[in-house]
Amino acid sequence: MTQALHESSLNSLPLLARGKVRDNYAVGTDRILMVASDRLSAFDVIMGEPIPGKGALLTQVALFWFDKLTGIVPNHLTGDDPVSVVPDAEQAQVRGRSMLVKRLKPLPVEAVVRGYLAGSGWKEYRESGTVCGVQLPAGLGNASRLPEPIFTPATKAEMGDHDENISFERMVGLIGADLAERVRSISIQLYKTAADIALTKGIIIADTKFEFGLDSDGTLTLMDEVLTPDSSRYWPVESYAAAVARGENPPSFDKQFVRDWLEQAEVDGALWNKQAPAPALPKEVIERTTAKYEEARARLMD
């Protein structure tokens, strides 16, 4: 296992931004080097301890899906080798965990597609029978499969804040009716295609989020990461039915193991208040989380 990378430090390129996981560097005026670190965030707080190998794994999974979804919508990959834009001394920070992508104008919304009732969607459904204003049939339970996937957009929050679910009508107000319709249609097509592929690998993709941008010609382009365990709920097929029968969330191939540990973690004798700094993750939690991500990658790609 290569050494974990909590934060990249490339002096040869201008740093544009550090996200929860990725560090973005400018390559000229038209490309971005996206370096996936081994950082992990939960409850919108970045953990102090990295998850070794996570950045490389997320990059492999994203590239797998970009390839599988070719033909539905253009994506931001340039096809250029990320290592080619940094000097020898910095290549170890880049190799295997980076994408060299087109610089786009990001849309100010996240395109969330849900095929199953979980998370904030389940909470809203119990209160109102809707998810982001979409009326759903009565009688659904936690983790129920929806009759058809639904599109439930969100606004992208600043670092440390929570994304906000919004109605489709509000999305129209933000980006216009034509573009909103195209994003909705393409997002549902991407989800359905990926969900069908994942099922053949023993994985249910319960929900996911896509991000889009516009290139210099105004072409709608899929960007950022796609369909990784960081941006999607991955459930093992073999555990799903029993979990639903019990009204429980199915076990997942993502950071749910960390979230569950954090829910009972104490700081100064009290339960953690989900504000930075986060409690230090024990070695066994880091190892179990690494194993969950690796199992997802192996099911998909091996």
C-alpha atoms as a PDB file:
ATOM      1  CA  MET A   1       0.000   0.000   0.000  1.00  0.00           C
ATOM      2  CA  THR A   2       1.393   3.408  -0.951  1.00  0.00           C
ATOM      3  CA  GLN A   3       1.613   6.067   1.720  1.00  0.00           C
ATOM      4  CA  ALA A   4      -1.708   7.761   2.475  1.00  0.00           C
ATOM      5  CA  LEU A   5      -2.146  11.281   1.111  1.00  0.00           C
ATOM      6  CA  HIS A   6      -4.218  13.554   3.341  1.00  0.00           C
ATOM      7  CA  GLU A   7      -3.421  16.697   1.359  1.00  0.00           C
ATOM      8  CA  SER A   8      -1.501  17.152  -1.867  1.00  0.00           C
ATOM      9  CA  SER A   9       1.160  19.805  -2.192  1.00  0.00           C
ATOM     10  CA  LEU A  10       2.013  20.593  -5.806  1.00  0.00           C
ATOM     11  CA  ASN A  11       4.224  23.662  -6.144  1.00  0.00           C
ATOM     12  CA  SER A  12       4.399  23.484  -9.941  1.00  0.00           C
ATOM     13  CA  LEU A  13       0.721  24.338 -10.515  1.00  0.00           C
ATOM     14  CA  PRO A  14      -1.634  27.006  -9.069  1.00  0.00           C
ATOM     15  CA  LEU A  15      -4.064  25.578  -6.498  1.00  0.00           C
ATOM     16  CA  LEU A  16      -7.658  26.443  -7.420  1.00  0.00           C
ATOM     17  CA  ALA A  17      -9.517  24.828  -4.525  1.00  0.00           C
ATOM     18  CA  ARG A  18      -9.480  22.044  -1.962  1.00  0.00           C
ATOM     19  CA  GLY A  19     -12.755  20.164  -1.650  1.00  0.00           C
ATOM     20  CA  LYS A  20     -13.751  17.504   0.836  1.00  0.00           C
ATOM     21  CA  VAL A  21     -11.698  14.947  -1.085  1.00  0.00           C
ATOM     22  CA  ARG A  22     -10.159  16.519  -4.203  1.00  0.00           C
ATOM     23  CA  ASP A  23      -7.485  19.144  -4.653  1.00  0.00           C
ATOM     24  CA  ASN A  24      -7.872  21.011  -7.959  1.00  0.00           C
ATOM     25  CA  TYR A  25      -4.956  22.659  -9.754  1.00  0.00           C
ATOM     26  CA  ALA A  26      -5.009  24.878 -12.834  1.00  0.00           C
ATOM     27  CA  VAL A  27      -3.204  23.544 -15.916  1.00  0.00           C
ATOM     28  CA  GLY A  28      -3.094  26.527 -18.227  1.00  0.00           C
ATOM     29  CA  THR A  29      -6.443  28.203 -18.751  1.00  0.00           C
ATOM     30  CA  ASP A  30      -8.429  25.273 -20.118  1.00  0.00           C
ATOM     31  CA  ARG A  31      -7.592  22.208 -17.991  1.00  0.00           C
ATOM     32  CA  ILE A  32      -7.702  21.168 -14.328  1.00  0.00           C
ATOM     33  CA  LEU A  33      -5.670  18.500 -12.558  1.00  0.00           C
ATOM     34  CA  MET A  34      -8.003  16.830 -10.037  1.00  0.00           C
ATOM     35  CA  VAL A  35      -6.035  14.987  -7.332  1.00  0.00           C
ATOM     36  CA  ALA A  36      -8.148  12.636  -5.213  1.00  0.00           C
ATOM     37  CA  SER A  37      -6.694  12.621  -1.709  1.00  0.00           C
ATOM     38  CA  ASP A  38      -7.340   9.952   0.921  1.00  0.00           C
ATOM     39  CA  ARG A  39      -9.411  12.385   2.999  1.00  0.00           C
ATOM     40  CA  LEU A  40     -12.794  11.264   4.234  1.00  0.00           C
ATOM     41  CA  SER A  41     -15.666  13.532   5.269  1.00  0.00           C
ATOM     42  CA  ALA A  42     -18.687  12.580   7.324  1.00  0.00           C
ATOM     43  CA  PHE A  43     -21.495  14.895   8.402  1.00  0.00           C
ATOM     44  CA  ASP A  44     -19.702  17.522   6.265  1.00  0.00           C
ATOM     45  CA  VAL A  45     -16.628  17.417   8.525  1.00  0.00           C
ATOM     46  CA  ILE A  46     -13.276  16.214   7.191  1.00  0.00           C
ATOM     47  CA  MET A  47     -11.723  13.519   9.356  1.00  0.00           C
ATOM     48  CA  GLY A  48      -8.202  14.080  10.636  1.00  0.00           C
ATOM     49  CA  GLU A  49      -7.087  10.609   9.548  1.00  0.00           C
ATOM     50  CA  PRO A  50      -6.886   9.549   5.897  1.00  0.00           C
ATOM     51  CA  ILE A  51      -8.217   6.269   4.529  1.00  0.00           C
ATOM     52  CA  PRO A  52      -5.179   4.712   2.793  1.00  0.00           C
ATOM     53  CA  GLY A  53      -5.769   3.999  -0.892  1.00  0.00           C
ATOM     54  CA  LYS A  54      -9.161   5.721  -1.009  1.00  0.00           C
ATOM     55  CA  GLY A  55      -8.203   8.400  -3.531  1.00  0.00           C
ATOM     56  CA  ALA A  56      -6.766   5.902  -6.005  1.00  0.00           C
ATOM     57  CA  LEU A  57      -9.791   3.639  -5.564  1.00  0.00           C
ATOM     58  CA  LEU A  58     -12.273   6.478  -6.173  1.00  0.00           C
ATOM     59  CA  THR A  59     -10.357   7.481  -9.289  1.00  0.00           C
ATOM     60  CA  GLN A  60     -10.428   3.899 -10.650  1.00  0.00           C
ATOM     61  CA  VAL A  61     -14.170   3.600 -10.026  1.00  0.00           C
ATOM     62  CA  ALA A  62     -14.936   7.000 -11.581  1.00  0.00           C
ATOM     63  CA  LEU A  63     -12.905   6.153 -14.696  1.00  0.00           C
ATOM     64  CA  PHE A  64     -14.719   2.801 -14.912  1.00  0.00           C
ATOM     65  CA  TRP A  65     -18.085   4.558 -14.955  1.00  0.00           C
ATOM     66  CA  PHE A  66     -17.025   7.351 -17.325  1.00  0.00           C
ATOM     67  CA  ASP A  67     -16.066   4.597 -19.774  1.00  0.00           C
ATOM     68  CA  LYS A  68     -19.302   2.630 -19.303  1.00  0.00           C
ATOM     69  CA  LEU A  69     -21.465   5.742 -19.766  1.00  0.00           C
ATOM     70  CA  THR A  70     -19.763   7.023 -22.911  1.00  0.00           C
ATOM     71  CA  GLY A  71     -22.352   7.923 -25.505  1.00  0.00           C
ATOM     72  CA  ILE A  72     -25.030   9.235 -23.140  1.00  0.00           C
ATOM     73  CA  VAL A  73     -23.416  12.628 -22.515  1.00  0.00           C
ATOM     74  CA  PRO A  74     -19.919  14.100 -23.043  1.00  0.00           C
ATOM     75  CA  ASN A  75     -17.634  14.014 -19.989  1.00  0.00           C
ATOM     76  CA  HIS A  76     -14.794  16.202 -18.826  1.00  0.00           C
ATOM     77  CA  LEU A  77     -11.893  13.775 -19.398  1.00  0.00           C
ATOM     78  CA  THR A  78      -9.209  15.059 -21.765  1.00  0.00           C
ATOM     79  CA  GLY A  79      -7.519  11.704 -22.346  1.00  0.00           C
ATOM     80  CA  ASP A  80      -4.187  13.228 -21.319  1.00  0.00           C
ATOM     81  CA  ASP A  81      -1.934  11.561 -18.719  1.00  0.00           C
ATOM     82  CA  PRO A  82      -2.155  13.477 -15.418  1.00  0.00           C
ATOM     83  CA  VAL A  83       1.484  12.683 -14.634  1.00  0.00           C
ATOM     84  CA  SER A  84       2.555  14.568 -17.778  1.00  0.00           C
ATOM     85  CA  VAL A  85       1.787  17.992 -16.293  1.00  0.00           C
ATOM     86  CA  VAL A  86       3.934  17.812 -13.133  1.00  0.00           C
ATOM     87  CA  PRO A  87       7.711  17.421 -12.630  1.00  0.00           C
ATOM     88  CA  ASP A  88       9.266  14.120 -11.567  1.00  0.00           C
ATOM     89  CA  ALA A  89       9.426  15.144  -7.906  1.00  0.00           C
ATOM     90  CA  GLU A  90       5.615  15.570  -7.733  1.00  0.00           C
ATOM     91  CA  GLN A  91       4.508  12.569  -9.767  1.00  0.00           C
ATOM     92  CA  ALA A  92       4.105  10.283  -6.733  1.00  0.00           C
ATOM     93  CA  GLN A  93       1.312  12.569  -5.449  1.00  0.00           C
ATOM     94  CA  VAL A  94      -0.476  12.391  -8.795  1.00  0.00           C
ATOM     95  CA  ARG A  95       0.027   8.899 -10.191  1.00  0.00           C
ATOM     96  CA  GLY A  96      -3.035   6.628  -9.975  1.00  0.00           C
ATOM     97  CA  ARG A  97      -5.228   9.109  -8.104  1.00  0.00           C
ATOM     98  CA  SER A  98      -5.745  11.953 -10.571  1.00  0.00           C
ATOM     99  CA  MET A  99      -7.726  13.004 -13.618  1.00  0.00           C
ATOM    100  CA  LEU A 100      -6.729  15.702 -16.107  1.00  0.00           C
ATOM    101  CA  VAL A 101      -9.995  17.293 -17.155  1.00  0.00           C
ATOM    102  CA  LYS A 102     -11.506  20.119 -19.156  1.00  0.00           C
ATOM    103  CA  ARG A 103     -12.143  23.364 -17.339  1.00  0.00           C
ATOM    104  CA  LEU A 104     -15.892  23.949 -17.356  1.00  0.00           C
ATOM    105  CA  LYS A 105     -18.446  26.385 -16.009  1.00  0.00           C
ATOM    106  CA  PRO A 106     -20.143  24.289 -13.281  1.00  0.00           C
ATOM    107  CA  LEU A 107     -23.918  24.333 -12.941  1.00  0.00           C
ATOM    108  CA  PRO A 108     -24.935  25.528  -9.441  1.00  0.00           C
ATOM    109  CA  VAL A 109     -26.979  22.382  -8.713  1.00  0.00           C
ATOM    110  CA  GLU A 110     -26.306  18.755  -7.913  1.00  0.00           C
ATOM    111  CA  ALA A 111     -28.290  16.286  -9.998  1.00  0.00           C
ATOM    112  CA  VAL A 112     -29.499  13.669  -7.506  1.00  0.00           C
ATOM    113  CA  VAL A 113     -31.303  10.543  -8.715  1.00  0.00           C
ATOM    114  CA  ARG A 114     -32.979   8.165  -6.280  1.00  0.00           C
ATOM    115  CA  GLY A 115     -34.055   4.662  -7.150  1.00  0.00           C
ATOM    116  CA  TYR A 116     -34.748   3.683  -3.546  1.00  0.00           C
ATOM    117  CA  LEU A 117     -36.140   5.457  -0.495  1.00  0.00           C
ATOM    118  CA  ALA A 118     -33.283   6.214   1.896  1.00  0.00           C
ATOM    119  CA  GLY A 119     -31.597   8.937   3.916  1.00  0.00           C
ATOM    120  CA  SER A 120     -33.167  12.388   3.802  1.00  0.00           C
ATOM    121  CA  GLY A 121     -35.672  11.099   1.225  1.00  0.00           C
ATOM    122  CA  TRP A 122     -37.056   8.525   3.669  1.00  0.00           C
ATOM    123  CA  LYS A 123     -37.285  11.166   6.382  1.00  0.00           C
ATOM    124  CA  GLU A 124     -39.265  13.547   4.153  1.00  0.00           C
ATOM    125  CA  TYR A 125     -41.518  10.759   2.848  1.00  0.00           C
ATOM    126  CA  ARG A 126     -42.542   9.790   6.370  1.00  0.00           C
ATOM    127  CA  GLU A 127     -43.552  13.392   7.051  1.00  0.00           C
ATOM    128  CA  SER A 128     -45.270  14.316   3.790  1.00  0.00           C
ATOM    129  CA  GLY A 129     -45.401  11.407   1.348  1.00  0.00           C
ATOM    130  CA  THR A 130     -43.073  13.313  -0.975  1.00  0.00           C
ATOM    131  CA  VAL A 131     -39.372  13.583  -1.736  1.00  0.00           C
ATOM    132  CA  CYS A 132     -38.265  17.053  -2.855  1.00  0.00           C
ATOM    133  CA  GLY A 133     -41.840  17.761  -3.825  1.00  0.00           C
ATOM    134  CA  VAL A 134     -42.212  14.554  -5.869  1.00  0.00           C
ATOM    135  CA  GLN A 135     -45.377  12.737  -4.752  1.00  0.00           C
ATOM    136  CA  LEU A 136     -44.780   9.041  -4.087  1.00  0.00           C
ATOM    137  CA  PRO A 137     -47.214   6.146  -3.561  1.00  0.00           C
ATOM    138  CA  ALA A 138     -48.407   5.445  -0.020  1.00  0.00           C
ATOM    139  CA  GLY A 139     -47.158   2.446   1.927  1.00  0.00           C
ATOM    140  CA  LEU A 140     -43.463   2.535   1.043  1.00  0.00           C
ATOM    141  CA  GLY A 141     -40.961   1.524   3.708  1.00  0.00           C
ATOM    142  CA  ASN A 142     -37.377   2.388   4.508  1.00  0.00           C
ATOM    143  CA  ALA A 143     -35.107   1.315   1.606  1.00  0.00           C
ATOM    144  CA  SER A 144     -38.095   0.441  -0.624  1.00  0.00           C
ATOM    145  CA  ARG A 145     -37.448   0.420  -4.334  1.00  0.00           C
ATOM    146  CA  LEU A 146     -39.328   3.250  -6.049  1.00  0.00           C
ATOM    147  CA  PRO A 147     -41.679   2.497  -8.960  1.00  0.00           C
ATOM    148  CA  GLU A 148     -39.401   4.624 -11.142  1.00  0.00           C
ATOM    149  CA  PRO A 149     -36.215   6.553 -10.335  1.00  0.00           C
ATOM    150  CA  ILE A 150     -36.910  10.162  -9.374  1.00  0.00           C
ATOM    151  CA  PHE A 151     -34.846  13.299  -9.919  1.00  0.00           C
ATOM    152  CA  THR A 152     -34.362  15.360  -6.757  1.00  0.00           C
ATOM    153  CA  PRO A 153     -31.904  18.232  -7.254  1.00  0.00           C
ATOM    154  CA  ALA A 154     -29.917  19.969  -4.545  1.00  0.00           C
ATOM    155  CA  THR A 155     -27.938  23.161  -4.232  1.00  0.00           C
ATOM    156  CA  LYS A 156     -24.207  22.656  -3.710  1.00  0.00           C
ATOM    157  CA  ALA A 157     -23.183  23.891  -0.263  1.00  0.00           C
ATOM    158  CA  GLU A 158     -20.016  25.697   0.683  1.00  0.00           C
ATOM    159  CA  MET A 159     -17.418  23.683   2.596  1.00  0.00           C
ATOM    160  CA  GLY A 160     -18.781  22.731   6.021  1.00  0.00           C
ATOM    161  CA  ASP A 161     -22.403  23.445   5.142  1.00  0.00           C
ATOM    162  CA  HIS A 162     -25.060  20.929   4.154  1.00  0.00           C
ATOM    163  CA  ASP A 163     -26.397  20.563   0.625  1.00  0.00           C
ATOM    164  CA  GLU A 164     -30.036  21.680   0.405  1.00  0.00           C
ATOM    165  CA  ASN A 165     -32.676  19.632  -1.399  1.00  0.00           C
ATOM    166  CA  ILE A 166     -34.687  21.835  -3.757  1.00  0.00           C
ATOM    167  CA  SER A 167     -37.697  21.417  -6.022  1.00  0.00           C
ATOM    168  CA  PHE A 168     -37.367  21.028  -9.764  1.00  0.00           C
ATOM    169  CA  GLU A 169     -39.164  24.361 -10.123  1.00  0.00           C
ATOM    170  CA  ARG A 170     -36.449  26.078  -8.119  1.00  0.00           C
ATOM    171  CA  MET A 171     -33.820  24.420 -10.295  1.00  0.00           C
ATOM    172  CA  VAL A 172     -35.584  25.856 -13.345  1.00  0.00           C
ATOM    173  CA  GLY A 173     -35.331  29.262 -11.724  1.00  0.00           C
ATOM    174  CA  LEU A 174     -31.576  28.790 -11.265  1.00  0.00           C
ATOM    175  CA  ILE A 175     -30.545  27.479 -14.693  1.00  0.00           C
ATOM    176  CA  GLY A 176     -33.555  27.795 -16.998  1.00  0.00           C
ATOM    177  CA  ALA A 177     -36.231  25.349 -18.124  1.00  0.00           C
ATOM    178  CA  ASP A 178     -34.477  23.862 -21.151  1.00  0.00           C
ATOM    179  CA  LEU A 179     -31.225  23.121 -19.367  1.00  0.00           C
ATOM    180  CA  ALA A 180     -33.038  21.799 -16.281  1.00  0.00           C
ATOM    181  CA  GLU A 181     -35.066  19.382 -18.415  1.00  0.00           C
ATOM    182  CA  ARG A 182     -31.941  18.126 -20.163  1.00  0.00           C
ATOM    183  CA  VAL A 183     -30.089  17.611 -16.893  1.00  0.00           C
ATOM    184  CA  ARG A 184     -33.041  15.706 -15.426  1.00  0.00           C
ATOM    185  CA  SER A 185     -33.475  13.454 -18.463  1.00  0.00           C
ATOM    186  CA  ILE A 186     -29.756  12.685 -18.821  1.00  0.00           C
ATOM    187  CA  SER A 187     -29.294  12.090 -15.086  1.00  0.00           C
ATOM    188  CA  ILE A 188     -32.086   9.513 -14.974  1.00  0.00           C
ATOM    189  CA  GLN A 189     -30.664   7.807 -18.073  1.00  0.00           C
ATOM    190  CA  LEU A 190     -27.184   7.693 -16.499  1.00  0.00           C
ATOM    191  CA  TYR A 191     -28.580   6.259 -13.271  1.00  0.00           C
ATOM    192  CA  LYS A 192     -30.673   3.583 -14.973  1.00  0.00           C
ATOM    193  CA  THR A 193     -27.756   2.469 -17.145  1.00  0.00           C
ATOM    194  CA  ALA A 194     -25.352   2.305 -14.196  1.00  0.00           C
ATOM    195  CA  ALA A 195     -27.869   0.608 -11.897  1.00  0.00           C
ATOM    196  CA  ASP A 196     -28.451  -2.150 -14.456  1.00  0.00           C
ATOM    197  CA  ILE A 197     -24.697  -2.730 -14.809  1.00  0.00           C
ATOM    198  CA  ALA A 198     -24.161  -2.717 -11.038  1.00  0.00           C
ATOM    199  CA  LEU A 199     -26.905  -5.303 -10.483  1.00  0.00           C
ATOM    200  CA  THR A 200     -24.975  -7.767 -12.636  1.00  0.00           C
ATOM    201  CA  LYS A 201     -22.083  -7.270 -10.178  1.00  0.00           C
ATOM    202  CA  GLY A 202     -24.186  -7.876  -7.076  1.00  0.00           C
ATOM    203  CA  ILE A 203     -24.558  -4.193  -6.172  1.00  0.00           C
ATOM    204  CA  ILE A 204     -27.689  -2.067  -5.789  1.00  0.00           C
ATOM    205  CA  ILE A 205     -27.078   1.640  -6.439  1.00  0.00           C
ATOM    206  CA  ALA A 206     -29.765   3.142  -4.237  1.00  0.00           C
ATOM    207  CA  ASP A 207     -29.092   6.747  -5.215  1.00  0.00           C
ATOM    208  CA  THR A 208     -26.356   8.925  -6.603  1.00  0.00           C
ATOM    209  CA  LYS A 209     -25.508  12.490  -7.534  1.00  0.00           C
ATOM    210  CA  PHE A 210     -24.062  13.872 -10.741  1.00  0.00           C
ATOM    211  CA  GLU A 211     -22.448  17.212 -11.453  1.00  0.00           C
ATOM    212  CA  PHE A 212     -22.518  18.969 -14.797  1.00  0.00           C
ATOM    213  CA  GLY A 213     -20.847  21.945 -16.395  1.00  0.00           C
ATOM    214  CA  LEU A 214     -20.850  23.804 -19.686  1.00  0.00           C
ATOM    215  CA  ASP A 215     -17.803  23.979 -21.947  1.00  0.00           C
ATOM    216  CA  SER A 216     -16.772  27.026 -23.944  1.00  0.00           C
ATOM    217  CA  ASP A 217     -19.282  26.070 -26.656  1.00  0.00           C
ATOM    218  CA  GLY A 218     -22.117  25.650 -24.149  1.00  0.00           C
ATOM    219  CA  THR A 219     -22.095  21.842 -24.391  1.00  0.00           C
ATOM    220  CA  LEU A 220     -23.559  20.106 -21.334  1.00  0.00           C
ATOM    221  CA  THR A 221     -20.763  17.954 -19.868  1.00  0.00           C
ATOM    222  CA  LEU A 222     -20.608  15.400 -17.044  1.00  0.00           C
ATOM    223  CA  MET A 223     -17.898  16.423 -14.572  1.00  0.00           C
ATOM    224  CA  ASP A 224     -16.280  15.829 -11.181  1.00  0.00           C
ATOM    225  CA  GLU A 225     -16.509  12.199 -10.050  1.00  0.00           C
ATOM    226  CA  VAL A 226     -19.251   9.791 -11.047  1.00  0.00           C
ATOM    227  CA  LEU A 227     -20.980   6.899  -9.270  1.00  0.00           C
ATOM    228  CA  THR A 228     -18.288   6.272  -6.652  1.00  0.00           C
ATOM    229  CA  PRO A 229     -19.071   5.030  -3.126  1.00  0.00           C
ATOM    230  CA  ASP A 230     -18.504   8.644  -2.001  1.00  0.00           C
ATOM    231  CA  SER A 231     -21.329  10.008  -4.174  1.00  0.00           C
ATOM    232  CA  SER A 232     -23.655   6.989  -4.177  1.00  0.00           C
ATOM    233  CA  ARG A 233     -25.261   4.482  -1.845  1.00  0.00           C
ATOM    234  CA  TYR A 234     -23.983   1.010  -2.742  1.00  0.00           C
ATOM    235  CA  TRP A 235     -25.885  -1.906  -1.194  1.00  0.00           C
ATOM    236  CA  PRO A 236     -25.028  -5.623  -1.566  1.00  0.00           C
ATOM    237  CA  VAL A 237     -27.853  -7.443  -3.353  1.00  0.00           C
ATOM    238  CA  GLU A 238     -27.690 -10.474  -1.074  1.00  0.00           C
ATOM    239  CA  SER A 239     -28.420  -8.455   2.106  1.00  0.00           C
ATOM    240  CA  TYR A 240     -31.146  -6.201   0.716  1.00  0.00           C
ATOM    241  CA  ALA A 241     -34.358  -8.206   1.140  1.00  0.00           C
ATOM    242  CA  ALA A 242     -33.712  -9.198   4.751  1.00  0.00           C
ATOM    243  CA  ALA A 243     -32.827  -5.623   5.733  1.00  0.00           C
ATOM    244  CA  VAL A 244     -35.976  -4.211   4.126  1.00  0.00           C
ATOM    245  CA  ALA A 245     -38.116  -6.838   5.855  1.00  0.00           C
ATOM    246  CA  ARG A 246     -36.714  -5.614   9.173  1.00  0.00           C
ATOM    247  CA  GLY A 247     -37.228  -1.964   8.216  1.00  0.00           C
ATOM    248  CA  GLU A 248     -33.498  -1.334   8.393  1.00  0.00           C
ATOM    249  CA  ASN A 249     -30.960   0.261   6.104  1.00  0.00           C
ATOM    250  CA  PRO A 250     -29.095  -2.405   4.134  1.00  0.00           C
ATOM    251  CA  PRO A 251     -25.361  -2.604   4.867  1.00  0.00           C
ATOM    252  CA  SER A 252     -23.412  -0.429   2.471  1.00  0.00           C
ATOM    253  CA  PHE A 253     -20.071  -0.272   0.690  1.00  0.00           C
ATOM    254  CA  ASP A 254     -19.261   3.286   1.656  1.00  0.00           C
ATOM    255  CA  LYS A 255     -18.511   5.450   4.671  1.00  0.00           C
ATOM    256  CA  GLN A 256     -21.618   4.401   6.600  1.00  0.00           C
ATOM    257  CA  PHE A 257     -19.343   2.388   8.902  1.00  0.00           C
ATOM    258  CA  VAL A 258     -17.591   5.652   9.863  1.00  0.00           C
ATOM    259  CA  ARG A 259     -20.893   7.490  10.307  1.00  0.00           C
ATOM    260  CA  ASP A 260     -22.179   4.756  12.609  1.00  0.00           C
ATOM    261  CA  TRP A 261     -19.010   4.942  14.739  1.00  0.00           C
ATOM    262  CA  LEU A 262     -19.182   8.741  14.897  1.00  0.00           C
ATOM    263  CA  GLU A 263     -22.796   8.627  16.086  1.00  0.00           C
ATOM    264  CA  GLN A 264     -21.648   7.038  19.343  1.00  0.00           C
ATOM    265  CA  ALA A 265     -18.201   8.683  19.621  1.00  0.00           C
ATOM    266  CA  GLU A 266     -17.629  10.937  22.617  1.00  0.00           C
ATOM    267  CA  VAL A 267     -15.575  14.099  22.936  1.00  0.00           C
ATOM    268  CA  ASP A 268     -14.863  15.370  26.469  1.00  0.00           C
ATOM    269  CA  GLY A 269     -17.424  12.985  27.910  1.00  0.00           C
ATOM    270  CA  ALA A 270     -20.285  13.969  25.582  1.00  0.00           C
ATOM    271  CA  LEU A 271     -21.489  12.684  22.220  1.00  0.00           C
ATOM    272  CA  TRP A 272     -19.700  14.428  19.360  1.00  0.00           C
ATOM    273  CA  ASN A 273     -21.707  17.447  18.159  1.00  0.00           C
ATOM    274  CA  LYS A 274     -20.780  16.888  14.474  1.00  0.00           C
ATOM    275  CA  GLN A 275     -18.748  20.068  14.360  1.00  0.00           C
ATOM    276  CA  ALA A 276     -15.034  20.247  13.512  1.00  0.00           C
ATOM    277  CA  PRO A 277     -12.720  18.919  14.737  1.00  0.00           C
ATOM    278  CA  ALA A 278     -13.880  15.321  14.439  1.00  0.00           C
ATOM    279  CA  PRO A 279     -12.920  12.630  16.945  1.00  0.00           C
ATOM    280  CA  ALA A 280      -9.810  10.667  15.977  1.00  0.00           C
ATOM    281  CA  LEU A 281     -10.716   7.523  14.061  1.00  0.00           C
ATOM    282  CA  PRO A 282      -9.412   4.306  15.645  1.00  0.00           C
ATOM    283  CA  LYS A 283      -7.193   2.029  13.562  1.00  0.00           C
ATOM    284  CA  GLU A 284      -9.905  -0.639  13.291  1.00  0.00           C
ATOM    285  CA  VAL A 285     -12.443   1.872  11.916  1.00  0.00           C
ATOM    286  CA  ILE A 286      -9.955   3.028   9.282  1.00  0.00           C
ATOM    287  CA  GLU A 287      -9.192  -0.572   8.303  1.00  0.00           C
ATOM    288  CA  ARG A 288     -12.873  -1.579   8.098  1.00  0.00           C
ATOM    289  CA  THR A 289     -13.650   1.491   5.988  1.00  0.00           C
ATOM    290  CA  THR A 290     -10.768   0.707   3.630  1.00  0.00           C
ATOM    291  CA  ALA A 291     -12.121  -2.831   3.279  1.00  0.00           C
ATOM    292  CA  LYS A 292     -15.637  -1.593   2.453  1.00  0.00           C
ATOM    293  CA  TYR A 293     -14.385   0.676  -0.334  1.00  0.00           C
ATOM    294  CA  GLU A 294     -12.130  -2.067  -1.697  1.00  0.00           C
ATOM    295  CA  GLU A 295     -14.988  -4.577  -1.753  1.00  0.00           C
ATOM    296  CA  ALA A 296     -17.088  -2.161  -3.816  1.00  0.00           C
ATOM    297  CA  ARG A 297     -14.236  -1.684  -6.295  1.00  0.00           C
ATOM    298  CA  ALA A 298     -13.554  -5.402  -6.509  1.00  0.00           C
ATOM    299  CA  ARG A 299     -17.209  -6.302  -7.148  1.00  0.00           C
ATOM    300  CA  LEU A 300     -17.442  -3.754  -9.930  1.00  0.00           C
ATOM    301  CA  MET A 301     -14.115  -4.233 -11.661  1.00  0.00           C
ATOM    302  CA  ASP A 302     -12.575  -7.637 -10.912  1.00  0.00           C
END
